[in-house]
């Protein structure tokens, strides 16, 4: 069974506090980058995999999408998502791996920071390629392989005696597979893959990669929070846009 960490009360409380304080990288880095990759959305039918609290579903509707289906394993996150009424958004409670759809059902499929939780990502991307209509797009973000590589061993920044960040620790990059780390709680499971593996999964599914981003924070946020300048020293996220011929 896929791990449902967001329904862990301690994890959910920590994550919610991070989002409420806007102390994470979602609003100032990942979400602006995701929006920049969106193709024309007006009138389109969209699937959002790992939709969480439905924030990106609402963004897609604001961009003109005709209908959005959000898929999420966490009941706690879906409760938040459903608290925002929108007749053009529907939600499915299931793991991404278990979602079923007809071939050529969607013009656009998105996923925000969920793919690094999926063990058999290659199988999911093959299904995504079938669900897309001709000319449709897949747009996704995930933790960058530079960040997932050493998780569970000694992840993060190497600091000096004064606490200054000297460099980012990168180790076991080609040792792909499960990583267990502490994020609010112990034993959070993620899956590390090299960038080559991720891109080749997309290519081998029959999709054509047309844009790849390794973004840093938006400049206005960097001025307000100088600590965000460290995100220029190593990429926290990988974003990909691919098209079905």
C-alpha atoms as a PDB file:
ATOM      1  CA  UNK A   1       0.000   0.000   0.000  1.00  0.00           C
ATOM      2  CA  UNK A   2       1.273   3.535  -0.747  1.00  0.00           C
ATOM      3  CA  UNK A   3       2.157   5.504   2.356  1.00  0.00           C
ATOM      4  CA  UNK A   4      -0.553   7.964   3.426  1.00  0.00           C
ATOM      5  CA  UNK A   5       1.655  10.234   5.527  1.00  0.00           C
ATOM      6  CA  UNK A   6      -0.592  13.297   5.281  1.00  0.00           C
ATOM      7  CA  UNK A   7      -3.261  11.599   7.399  1.00  0.00           C
ATOM      8  CA  UNK A   8      -0.763  11.175  10.237  1.00  0.00           C
ATOM      9  CA  UNK A   9      -2.013  13.798  12.778  1.00  0.00           C
ATOM     10  CA  UNK A  10       1.480  14.928  13.806  1.00  0.00           C
ATOM     11  CA  UNK A  11       2.672  15.205  10.210  1.00  0.00           C
ATOM     12  CA  UNK A  12      -0.496  16.998   9.108  1.00  0.00           C
ATOM     13  CA  UNK A  13      -0.173  19.525  11.942  1.00  0.00           C
ATOM     14  CA  UNK A  14       3.440  20.282  11.048  1.00  0.00           C
ATOM     15  CA  UNK A  15       2.724  20.539   7.338  1.00  0.00           C
ATOM     16  CA  UNK A  16      -0.332  22.755   7.899  1.00  0.00           C
ATOM     17  CA  UNK A  17       1.687  25.099  10.109  1.00  0.00           C
ATOM     18  CA  UNK A  18       4.380  25.357   7.435  1.00  0.00           C
ATOM     19  CA  UNK A  19       1.835  26.238   4.759  1.00  0.00           C
ATOM     20  CA  UNK A  20      -0.104  28.656   6.987  1.00  0.00           C
ATOM     21  CA  UNK A  21       3.110  30.535   7.821  1.00  0.00           C
ATOM     22  CA  UNK A  22       4.135  30.408   4.140  1.00  0.00           C
ATOM     23  CA  UNK A  23       7.514  29.254   5.403  1.00  0.00           C
ATOM     24  CA  UNK A  24       7.937  26.587   2.739  1.00  0.00           C
ATOM     25  CA  UNK A  25       8.931  26.823  -0.895  1.00  0.00           C
ATOM     26  CA  UNK A  26       5.542  26.093  -2.483  1.00  0.00           C
ATOM     27  CA  UNK A  27       4.188  29.623  -2.830  1.00  0.00           C
ATOM     28  CA  UNK A  28       7.468  31.372  -3.672  1.00  0.00           C
ATOM     29  CA  UNK A  29       9.131  28.778  -5.896  1.00  0.00           C
ATOM     30  CA  UNK A  30       7.273  25.624  -6.924  1.00  0.00           C
ATOM     31  CA  UNK A  31       3.812  27.036  -7.671  1.00  0.00           C
ATOM     32  CA  UNK A  32       5.057  29.986  -9.778  1.00  0.00           C
ATOM     33  CA  UNK A  33       7.192  27.541 -11.762  1.00  0.00           C
ATOM     34  CA  UNK A  34       4.254  25.169 -12.254  1.00  0.00           C
ATOM     35  CA  UNK A  35       2.061  27.999 -13.516  1.00  0.00           C
ATOM     36  CA  UNK A  36       4.787  29.091 -15.934  1.00  0.00           C
ATOM     37  CA  UNK A  37       4.744  25.654 -17.581  1.00  0.00           C
ATOM     38  CA  UNK A  38       0.999  25.468 -18.139  1.00  0.00           C
ATOM     39  CA  UNK A  39      -0.063  25.342 -21.786  1.00  0.00           C
ATOM     40  CA  UNK A  40      -3.286  27.033 -22.828  1.00  0.00           C
ATOM     41  CA  UNK A  41      -5.811  25.823 -20.249  1.00  0.00           C
ATOM     42  CA  UNK A  42      -8.996  27.593 -21.333  1.00  0.00           C
ATOM     43  CA  UNK A  43     -11.812  25.121 -21.960  1.00  0.00           C
ATOM     44  CA  UNK A  44      -9.623  22.110 -21.195  1.00  0.00           C
ATOM     45  CA  UNK A  45     -10.349  19.008 -19.129  1.00  0.00           C
ATOM     46  CA  UNK A  46      -7.625  18.515 -16.516  1.00  0.00           C
ATOM     47  CA  UNK A  47      -6.535  15.763 -14.111  1.00  0.00           C
ATOM     48  CA  UNK A  48      -4.495  16.809 -11.055  1.00  0.00           C
ATOM     49  CA  UNK A  49      -2.716  13.858  -9.431  1.00  0.00           C
ATOM     50  CA  UNK A  50      -1.934  14.221  -5.731  1.00  0.00           C
ATOM     51  CA  UNK A  51      -4.048  17.347  -5.504  1.00  0.00           C
ATOM     52  CA  UNK A  52      -3.622  17.843  -1.735  1.00  0.00           C
ATOM     53  CA  UNK A  53      -5.798  20.675  -0.474  1.00  0.00           C
ATOM     54  CA  UNK A  54      -6.945  21.489  -4.008  1.00  0.00           C
ATOM     55  CA  UNK A  55      -4.925  24.686  -4.388  1.00  0.00           C
ATOM     56  CA  UNK A  56      -3.700  23.878  -7.888  1.00  0.00           C
ATOM     57  CA  UNK A  57      -7.152  22.640  -8.928  1.00  0.00           C
ATOM     58  CA  UNK A  58      -8.459  26.103  -8.082  1.00  0.00           C
ATOM     59  CA  UNK A  59      -5.588  27.703  -9.986  1.00  0.00           C
ATOM     60  CA  UNK A  60      -6.494  25.665 -13.070  1.00  0.00           C
ATOM     61  CA  UNK A  61     -10.126  26.803 -12.897  1.00  0.00           C
ATOM     62  CA  UNK A  62      -8.962  30.418 -12.515  1.00  0.00           C
ATOM     63  CA  UNK A  63      -6.885  29.913 -15.665  1.00  0.00           C
ATOM     64  CA  UNK A  64     -10.018  28.882 -17.555  1.00  0.00           C
ATOM     65  CA  UNK A  65     -10.139  25.088 -17.335  1.00  0.00           C
ATOM     66  CA  UNK A  66     -13.600  23.715 -18.052  1.00  0.00           C
ATOM     67  CA  UNK A  67     -13.358  20.809 -15.598  1.00  0.00           C
ATOM     68  CA  UNK A  68     -10.758  19.509 -13.160  1.00  0.00           C
ATOM     69  CA  UNK A  69     -10.539  16.125 -11.441  1.00  0.00           C
ATOM     70  CA  UNK A  70      -8.350  16.040  -8.330  1.00  0.00           C
ATOM     71  CA  UNK A  71      -6.977  12.728  -7.029  1.00  0.00           C
ATOM     72  CA  UNK A  72      -5.737  12.492  -3.437  1.00  0.00           C
ATOM     73  CA  UNK A  73      -5.038   9.669  -0.977  1.00  0.00           C
ATOM     74  CA  UNK A  74      -5.308  11.806   2.188  1.00  0.00           C
ATOM     75  CA  UNK A  75      -8.760  12.281   3.683  1.00  0.00           C
ATOM     76  CA  UNK A  76      -7.488  15.246   5.716  1.00  0.00           C
ATOM     77  CA  UNK A  77      -6.250  17.022   2.597  1.00  0.00           C
ATOM     78  CA  UNK A  78      -9.442  16.229   0.694  1.00  0.00           C
ATOM     79  CA  UNK A  79     -11.500  17.714   3.516  1.00  0.00           C
ATOM     80  CA  UNK A  80      -9.642  20.983   2.986  1.00  0.00           C
ATOM     81  CA  UNK A  81     -10.021  20.719  -0.778  1.00  0.00           C
ATOM     82  CA  UNK A  82     -13.771  20.144  -0.597  1.00  0.00           C
ATOM     83  CA  UNK A  83     -14.250  23.130   1.699  1.00  0.00           C
ATOM     84  CA  UNK A  84     -13.814  25.322  -1.393  1.00  0.00           C
ATOM     85  CA  UNK A  85     -16.980  24.862  -3.408  1.00  0.00           C
ATOM     86  CA  UNK A  86     -16.549  24.759  -7.168  1.00  0.00           C
ATOM     87  CA  UNK A  87     -18.977  22.990  -9.464  1.00  0.00           C
ATOM     88  CA  UNK A  88     -16.251  22.443 -12.048  1.00  0.00           C
ATOM     89  CA  UNK A  89     -13.925  20.537  -9.694  1.00  0.00           C
ATOM     90  CA  UNK A  90     -14.499  16.959  -8.557  1.00  0.00           C
ATOM     91  CA  UNK A  91     -12.313  14.909  -6.227  1.00  0.00           C
ATOM     92  CA  UNK A  92     -11.441  11.215  -6.136  1.00  0.00           C
ATOM     93  CA  UNK A  93     -10.231   9.647  -2.887  1.00  0.00           C
ATOM     94  CA  UNK A  94      -7.571   7.135  -3.868  1.00  0.00           C
ATOM     95  CA  UNK A  95      -3.845   6.702  -4.354  1.00  0.00           C
ATOM     96  CA  UNK A  96      -2.416   7.952  -7.627  1.00  0.00           C
ATOM     97  CA  UNK A  97      -1.354   4.378  -8.393  1.00  0.00           C
ATOM     98  CA  UNK A  98      -4.967   3.151  -8.055  1.00  0.00           C
ATOM     99  CA  UNK A  99      -6.723   5.816 -10.120  1.00  0.00           C
ATOM    100  CA  UNK A 100      -8.487   4.533 -13.236  1.00  0.00           C
ATOM    101  CA  UNK A 101      -9.589   6.545 -16.274  1.00  0.00           C
ATOM    102  CA  UNK A 102     -10.540   5.936 -19.884  1.00  0.00           C
ATOM    103  CA  UNK A 103      -7.914   6.420 -22.569  1.00  0.00           C
ATOM    104  CA  UNK A 104      -7.760   9.927 -24.068  1.00  0.00           C
ATOM    105  CA  UNK A 105      -9.881  11.462 -21.294  1.00  0.00           C
ATOM    106  CA  UNK A 106      -7.829  14.586 -20.497  1.00  0.00           C
ATOM    107  CA  UNK A 107      -6.245  17.503 -22.311  1.00  0.00           C
ATOM    108  CA  UNK A 108      -3.820  18.196 -19.466  1.00  0.00           C
ATOM    109  CA  UNK A 109      -2.521  16.155 -16.521  1.00  0.00           C
ATOM    110  CA  UNK A 110      -0.672  17.874 -13.682  1.00  0.00           C
ATOM    111  CA  UNK A 111       1.027  16.737 -10.495  1.00  0.00           C
ATOM    112  CA  UNK A 112       2.580  18.983  -7.876  1.00  0.00           C
ATOM    113  CA  UNK A 113       5.232  17.448  -5.603  1.00  0.00           C
ATOM    114  CA  UNK A 114       3.755  13.955  -5.545  1.00  0.00           C
ATOM    115  CA  UNK A 115       5.815  11.818  -7.929  1.00  0.00           C
ATOM    116  CA  UNK A 116       8.678  11.295  -5.460  1.00  0.00           C
ATOM    117  CA  UNK A 117       6.213   9.376  -3.228  1.00  0.00           C
ATOM    118  CA  UNK A 118       5.402   6.828  -5.962  1.00  0.00           C
ATOM    119  CA  UNK A 119       7.319   3.535  -6.036  1.00  0.00           C
ATOM    120  CA  UNK A 120       6.388   2.410  -9.573  1.00  0.00           C
ATOM    121  CA  UNK A 121       6.471   5.799 -11.231  1.00  0.00           C
ATOM    122  CA  UNK A 122       7.230   4.326 -14.640  1.00  0.00           C
ATOM    123  CA  UNK A 123       3.897   2.468 -14.626  1.00  0.00           C
ATOM    124  CA  UNK A 124       2.006   5.598 -13.611  1.00  0.00           C
ATOM    125  CA  UNK A 125       3.567   7.649 -16.424  1.00  0.00           C
ATOM    126  CA  UNK A 126       2.643   4.969 -18.967  1.00  0.00           C
ATOM    127  CA  UNK A 127      -0.984   5.237 -17.809  1.00  0.00           C
ATOM    128  CA  UNK A 128      -0.819   9.035 -17.949  1.00  0.00           C
ATOM    129  CA  UNK A 129       0.293   8.849 -21.574  1.00  0.00           C
ATOM    130  CA  UNK A 130      -2.778   6.724 -22.364  1.00  0.00           C
ATOM    131  CA  UNK A 131      -5.150   9.074 -20.514  1.00  0.00           C
ATOM    132  CA  UNK A 132      -3.957  12.116 -22.481  1.00  0.00           C
ATOM    133  CA  UNK A 133      -5.601  13.149 -25.710  1.00  0.00           C
ATOM    134  CA  UNK A 134      -3.416  13.768 -28.748  1.00  0.00           C
ATOM    135  CA  UNK A 135      -1.705  17.130 -28.310  1.00  0.00           C
ATOM    136  CA  UNK A 136      -2.264  17.026 -24.546  1.00  0.00           C
ATOM    137  CA  UNK A 137       0.358  17.805 -21.929  1.00  0.00           C
ATOM    138  CA  UNK A 138       1.775  16.405 -18.714  1.00  0.00           C
ATOM    139  CA  UNK A 139       3.173  19.023 -16.303  1.00  0.00           C
ATOM    140  CA  UNK A 140       4.699  17.865 -13.026  1.00  0.00           C
ATOM    141  CA  UNK A 141       7.035  18.861 -10.224  1.00  0.00           C
ATOM    142  CA  UNK A 142       8.950  16.658  -7.806  1.00  0.00           C
ATOM    143  CA  UNK A 143      11.777  16.909  -5.319  1.00  0.00           C
ATOM    144  CA  UNK A 144      15.004  17.268  -7.246  1.00  0.00           C
ATOM    145  CA  UNK A 145      17.214  14.163  -7.369  1.00  0.00           C
ATOM    146  CA  UNK A 146      20.017  16.249  -5.856  1.00  0.00           C
ATOM    147  CA  UNK A 147      17.815  16.542  -2.759  1.00  0.00           C
ATOM    148  CA  UNK A 148      16.395  13.029  -2.584  1.00  0.00           C
ATOM    149  CA  UNK A 149      19.724  11.262  -3.144  1.00  0.00           C
ATOM    150  CA  UNK A 150      21.079  11.376   0.409  1.00  0.00           C
ATOM    151  CA  UNK A 151      17.826  11.537   2.358  1.00  0.00           C
ATOM    152  CA  UNK A 152      17.841   9.215   5.304  1.00  0.00           C
ATOM    153  CA  UNK A 153      21.631   9.369   5.643  1.00  0.00           C
ATOM    154  CA  UNK A 154      22.880  12.913   6.101  1.00  0.00           C
ATOM    155  CA  UNK A 155      20.618  15.148   4.024  1.00  0.00           C
ATOM    156  CA  UNK A 156      20.839  18.887   3.855  1.00  0.00           C
ATOM    157  CA  UNK A 157      23.509  21.466   4.286  1.00  0.00           C
ATOM    158  CA  UNK A 158      26.981  20.940   5.684  1.00  0.00           C
ATOM    159  CA  UNK A 159      27.589  23.781   8.143  1.00  0.00           C
ATOM    160  CA  UNK A 160      30.740  25.111   9.780  1.00  0.00           C
ATOM    161  CA  UNK A 161      31.309  25.695  13.486  1.00  0.00           C
ATOM    162  CA  UNK A 162      29.528  29.055  13.227  1.00  0.00           C
ATOM    163  CA  UNK A 163      26.442  27.498  11.674  1.00  0.00           C
ATOM    164  CA  UNK A 164      27.051  28.937   8.205  1.00  0.00           C
ATOM    165  CA  UNK A 165      26.065  26.767   5.261  1.00  0.00           C
ATOM    166  CA  UNK A 166      29.158  25.638   3.388  1.00  0.00           C
ATOM    167  CA  UNK A 167      27.771  23.217   0.819  1.00  0.00           C
ATOM    168  CA  UNK A 168      24.945  20.816   0.056  1.00  0.00           C
ATOM    169  CA  UNK A 169      25.656  17.148   0.749  1.00  0.00           C
ATOM    170  CA  UNK A 170      25.227  14.944  -2.322  1.00  0.00           C
ATOM    171  CA  UNK A 171      25.815  11.224  -1.955  1.00  0.00           C
ATOM    172  CA  UNK A 172      24.544   7.899  -3.368  1.00  0.00           C
ATOM    173  CA  UNK A 173      23.166   9.662  -6.442  1.00  0.00           C
ATOM    174  CA  UNK A 174      23.046   6.522  -8.613  1.00  0.00           C
ATOM    175  CA  UNK A 175      21.756   4.321  -5.800  1.00  0.00           C
ATOM    176  CA  UNK A 176      18.096   4.561  -6.772  1.00  0.00           C
ATOM    177  CA  UNK A 177      15.241   3.393  -4.593  1.00  0.00           C
ATOM    178  CA  UNK A 178      13.478   4.007  -1.312  1.00  0.00           C
ATOM    179  CA  UNK A 179      14.607   6.729   1.080  1.00  0.00           C
ATOM    180  CA  UNK A 180      13.352   6.993   4.664  1.00  0.00           C
ATOM    181  CA  UNK A 181      13.759  10.367   6.325  1.00  0.00           C
ATOM    182  CA  UNK A 182      12.456  12.601   9.088  1.00  0.00           C
ATOM    183  CA  UNK A 183      10.089  15.393   8.048  1.00  0.00           C
ATOM    184  CA  UNK A 184       7.838  16.327  10.987  1.00  0.00           C
ATOM    185  CA  UNK A 185       7.749  12.584  11.811  1.00  0.00           C
ATOM    186  CA  UNK A 186      10.089   9.633  11.366  1.00  0.00           C
ATOM    187  CA  UNK A 187      10.021   7.198   8.471  1.00  0.00           C
ATOM    188  CA  UNK A 188       8.634   9.403   5.702  1.00  0.00           C
ATOM    189  CA  UNK A 189       9.075   7.279   2.576  1.00  0.00           C
ATOM    190  CA  UNK A 190      10.185   8.795  -0.723  1.00  0.00           C
ATOM    191  CA  UNK A 191      11.791   7.308  -3.826  1.00  0.00           C
ATOM    192  CA  UNK A 192      15.036   8.572  -5.292  1.00  0.00           C
ATOM    193  CA  UNK A 193      15.708   8.461  -9.020  1.00  0.00           C
ATOM    194  CA  UNK A 194      18.331  10.182 -11.129  1.00  0.00           C
ATOM    195  CA  UNK A 195      17.243  12.962 -13.443  1.00  0.00           C
ATOM    196  CA  UNK A 196      18.061  10.726 -16.398  1.00  0.00           C
ATOM    197  CA  UNK A 197      15.730   8.022 -15.081  1.00  0.00           C
ATOM    198  CA  UNK A 198      12.865  10.475 -14.608  1.00  0.00           C
ATOM    199  CA  UNK A 199      13.199  11.996 -18.073  1.00  0.00           C
ATOM    200  CA  UNK A 200      13.629   8.620 -19.738  1.00  0.00           C
ATOM    201  CA  UNK A 201      10.439   7.329 -18.083  1.00  0.00           C
ATOM    202  CA  UNK A 202       8.580  10.185 -19.749  1.00  0.00           C
ATOM    203  CA  UNK A 203      10.253   9.661 -23.127  1.00  0.00           C
ATOM    204  CA  UNK A 204       9.735   5.884 -23.084  1.00  0.00           C
ATOM    205  CA  UNK A 205       6.004   6.380 -22.429  1.00  0.00           C
ATOM    206  CA  UNK A 206       5.743   8.034 -25.835  1.00  0.00           C
ATOM    207  CA  UNK A 207       5.572  11.614 -24.587  1.00  0.00           C
ATOM    208  CA  UNK A 208       7.903  14.309 -25.866  1.00  0.00           C
ATOM    209  CA  UNK A 209       9.698  16.439 -23.248  1.00  0.00           C
ATOM    210  CA  UNK A 210       9.566  20.075 -24.328  1.00  0.00           C
ATOM    211  CA  UNK A 211      10.558  21.994 -21.182  1.00  0.00           C
ATOM    212  CA  UNK A 212      12.554  21.281 -17.996  1.00  0.00           C
ATOM    213  CA  UNK A 213      12.961  23.685 -15.063  1.00  0.00           C
ATOM    214  CA  UNK A 214      15.162  23.710 -11.948  1.00  0.00           C
ATOM    215  CA  UNK A 215      13.794  26.967 -10.492  1.00  0.00           C
ATOM    216  CA  UNK A 216      14.877  29.193  -7.646  1.00  0.00           C
ATOM    217  CA  UNK A 217      12.565  31.457  -5.659  1.00  0.00           C
ATOM    218  CA  UNK A 218      10.935  34.487  -7.259  1.00  0.00           C
ATOM    219  CA  UNK A 219      13.008  37.644  -6.776  1.00  0.00           C
ATOM    220  CA  UNK A 220      10.398  39.511  -4.713  1.00  0.00           C
ATOM    221  CA  UNK A 221      10.413  36.664  -2.194  1.00  0.00           C
ATOM    222  CA  UNK A 222      14.209  36.623  -2.113  1.00  0.00           C
ATOM    223  CA  UNK A 223      14.231  40.309  -1.205  1.00  0.00           C
ATOM    224  CA  UNK A 224      11.811  39.672   1.659  1.00  0.00           C
ATOM    225  CA  UNK A 225      13.512  36.440   2.788  1.00  0.00           C
ATOM    226  CA  UNK A 226      17.256  36.568   1.987  1.00  0.00           C
ATOM    227  CA  UNK A 227      17.622  32.982   3.185  1.00  0.00           C
ATOM    228  CA  UNK A 228      15.888  31.935  -0.049  1.00  0.00           C
ATOM    229  CA  UNK A 229      19.061  32.870  -1.937  1.00  0.00           C
ATOM    230  CA  UNK A 230      20.421  29.506  -0.798  1.00  0.00           C
ATOM    231  CA  UNK A 231      17.940  27.870  -3.191  1.00  0.00           C
ATOM    232  CA  UNK A 232      20.155  29.199  -6.008  1.00  0.00           C
ATOM    233  CA  UNK A 233      23.009  27.057  -4.689  1.00  0.00           C
ATOM    234  CA  UNK A 234      21.234  23.749  -5.309  1.00  0.00           C
ATOM    235  CA  UNK A 235      17.911  23.013  -7.043  1.00  0.00           C
ATOM    236  CA  UNK A 236      15.157  21.941  -4.623  1.00  0.00           C
ATOM    237  CA  UNK A 237      12.685  20.928  -7.344  1.00  0.00           C
ATOM    238  CA  UNK A 238      12.594  19.440 -10.820  1.00  0.00           C
ATOM    239  CA  UNK A 239       9.727  20.408 -13.137  1.00  0.00           C
ATOM    240  CA  UNK A 240       8.927  18.844 -16.497  1.00  0.00           C
ATOM    241  CA  UNK A 241       6.443  19.550 -19.277  1.00  0.00           C
ATOM    242  CA  UNK A 242       5.839  16.867 -21.882  1.00  0.00           C
ATOM    243  CA  UNK A 243       3.458  16.602 -24.835  1.00  0.00           C
ATOM    244  CA  UNK A 244       1.608  13.700 -26.414  1.00  0.00           C
ATOM    245  CA  UNK A 245       2.015  13.700 -30.230  1.00  0.00           C
END
